[in-house]
Amino acid sequence: DVYALGVLLYELLAGQRPWRTEGLPVARLVQAIVHEEPAPASRVATASSPVAARQIAGDLDAIIATCLRKNAADRYPTVEALQRDIERHLANEPVAARGRARLETIFPSASTMRTSASPIHSPRQPGRG
């Protein structure tokens, strides 16, 4: 699924898993995965990481963060949507994950906002145009 691919992408780029697992009891690890946001991959990447932190920062951090969202409805809806965003990144095109991240920074409730497909019409008042 998209979440598991996000974990894999994080590990492939940063060289480590999103959560530190060494020495943690299983219950604490589960609690961290369920309730805590991982640090951006660019922040945990080191000189020995497969990809440099500066190459991860930005689009790739946003793509990974979208994959790892706690609420499944806030993640990519399909693996194909994730694939398209990675392809946009590789083609130096704007990625959907960054647009979502910017929108949610400005309007924190943006992920829960829904728009109607039909326009809103105000009823005409009798005798007015």
Protein backbone atom coordinates (compact mmCIF):
# COMPACT_ATOMS: atom_id res chain seq x y z
CA ASP A 1 0.00 0.00 0.00
CA VAL A 2 0.95 3.68 -0.20
CA TYR A 3 1.97 3.85 3.48
CA ALA A 4 4.38 0.91 3.15
CA LEU A 5 5.84 2.42 -0.02
CA GLY A 6 6.42 5.66 1.91
CA VAL A 7 8.36 3.76 4.57
CA LEU A 8 10.40 2.05 1.86
CA LEU A 9 11.06 5.33 0.03
CA TYR A 10 12.15 6.96 3.30
CA GLU A 11 14.58 4.14 3.99
CA LEU A 12 15.95 4.05 0.43
CA LEU A 13 16.64 7.79 0.42
CA ALA A 14 17.68 8.50 4.02
CA GLY A 15 19.30 5.17 4.79
CA GLN A 16 17.17 4.52 7.86
CA ARG A 17 13.57 3.85 8.82
CA PRO A 18 11.21 6.69 9.73
CA TRP A 19 11.23 5.60 13.39
CA ARG A 20 14.15 4.45 15.46
CA THR A 21 13.53 0.85 16.42
CA GLU A 22 16.73 -0.09 18.26
CA GLY A 23 16.04 -0.99 21.86
CA LEU A 24 12.40 0.08 21.82
CA PRO A 25 9.78 -2.20 23.29
CA VAL A 26 7.20 -3.22 20.68
CA ALA A 27 4.41 -1.31 22.46
CA ARG A 28 6.41 1.93 22.36
CA LEU A 29 7.27 1.41 18.68
CA VAL A 30 3.61 0.88 17.81
CA GLN A 31 2.69 4.01 19.78
CA ALA A 32 5.31 6.03 17.86
CA ILE A 33 4.10 4.78 14.49
CA VAL A 34 0.44 5.45 15.30
CA HIS A 35 0.78 8.83 17.03
CA GLU A 36 4.05 10.52 16.04
CA GLU A 37 5.10 12.12 12.78
CA PRO A 38 8.56 10.99 11.64
CA ALA A 39 11.24 13.60 11.08
CA PRO A 40 11.56 14.57 7.42
CA ALA A 41 13.94 12.22 5.61
CA SER A 42 16.16 15.16 4.69
CA ARG A 43 16.68 15.89 8.39
CA VAL A 44 17.87 12.40 9.25
CA ALA A 45 20.00 11.83 6.15
CA THR A 46 23.70 11.78 6.89
CA ALA A 47 26.84 11.96 4.77
CA SER A 48 26.67 8.18 4.42
CA SER A 49 22.99 8.15 3.36
CA PRO A 50 22.21 6.86 -0.13
CA VAL A 51 20.94 10.33 -1.16
CA ALA A 52 22.17 13.71 0.08
CA ALA A 53 19.82 15.63 2.38
CA ARG A 54 19.70 18.60 0.01
CA GLN A 55 18.38 16.33 -2.75
CA ILE A 56 15.64 14.96 -0.48
CA ALA A 57 14.52 18.31 0.93
CA GLY A 58 11.46 19.78 -0.74
CA ASP A 59 9.58 17.57 -3.19
CA LEU A 60 10.80 14.21 -1.91
CA ASP A 61 10.15 15.14 1.73
CA ALA A 62 6.63 16.23 0.73
CA ILE A 63 6.01 13.04 -1.26
CA ILE A 64 7.18 10.87 1.64
CA ALA A 65 5.14 12.88 4.16
CA THR A 66 2.03 12.43 2.02
CA CYS A 67 2.60 8.66 1.95
CA LEU A 68 3.06 8.54 5.73
CA ARG A 69 0.04 10.61 6.77
CA LYS A 70 -1.76 9.10 9.74
CA ASN A 71 -5.18 9.46 8.11
CA ALA A 72 -5.38 7.20 5.05
CA ALA A 73 -7.71 9.69 3.33
CA ASP A 74 -4.87 12.26 3.40
CA ARG A 75 -2.41 9.95 1.61
CA TYR A 76 -2.17 9.39 -2.12
CA PRO A 77 -5.41 7.68 -3.11
CA THR A 78 -3.58 5.04 -5.20
CA VAL A 79 -0.09 3.76 -5.89
CA GLU A 80 -0.51 5.22 -9.39
CA ALA A 81 -1.03 8.70 -7.92
CA LEU A 82 2.20 8.29 -5.95
CA GLN A 83 3.94 7.11 -9.11
CA ARG A 84 2.73 10.17 -11.04
CA ASP A 85 4.09 12.49 -8.34
CA ILE A 86 7.48 10.76 -8.39
CA GLU A 87 7.52 11.03 -12.19
CA ARG A 88 6.68 14.76 -11.93
CA HIS A 89 9.56 15.19 -9.49
CA LEU A 90 11.97 13.40 -11.83
CA ALA A 91 10.78 15.60 -14.72
CA ASN A 92 11.33 18.77 -12.62
CA GLU A 93 7.60 19.50 -12.67
CA PRO A 94 5.53 20.65 -9.67
CA VAL A 95 4.40 17.76 -7.49
CA ALA A 96 0.91 17.43 -6.03
CA ALA A 97 2.29 16.73 -2.55
CA ARG A 98 3.91 20.17 -2.36
CA GLY A 99 0.71 21.88 -3.43
CA ARG A 100 -1.21 20.07 -0.70
CA ALA A 101 1.46 20.88 1.88
CA ARG A 102 1.39 24.58 0.99
CA LEU A 103 -2.40 24.67 1.09
CA GLU A 104 -2.51 22.97 4.48
CA THR A 105 0.10 25.37 5.85
CA ILE A 106 -2.08 28.33 4.92
CA PHE A 107 -5.42 26.65 5.71
CA PRO A 108 -4.89 23.87 8.28
CA SER A 109 -8.38 22.47 7.70
CA ALA A 110 -7.86 22.30 3.91
CA SER A 111 -7.54 18.52 3.93
CA THR A 112 -11.06 18.23 5.29
CA MET A 113 -12.63 20.86 3.04
CA ARG A 114 -14.85 19.55 0.28
CA THR A 115 -16.04 21.46 -2.73
CA SER A 116 -19.33 21.04 -4.52
CA ALA A 117 -19.36 20.09 -8.19
CA SER A 118 -22.28 22.38 -8.85
CA PRO A 119 -21.94 26.15 -8.61
CA ILE A 120 -23.84 28.06 -5.99
CA HIS A 121 -26.67 30.09 -7.45
CA SER A 122 -28.42 32.78 -5.54
CA PRO A 123 -32.13 32.85 -6.17
CA ARG A 124 -33.33 35.76 -8.24
CA GLN A 125 -35.38 38.25 -6.41
CA PRO A 126 -38.70 39.14 -8.10
CA GLY A 127 -38.42 42.39 -9.98
CA ARG A 128 -34.59 42.35 -9.99
CA GLY A 129 -33.04 41.72 -13.40
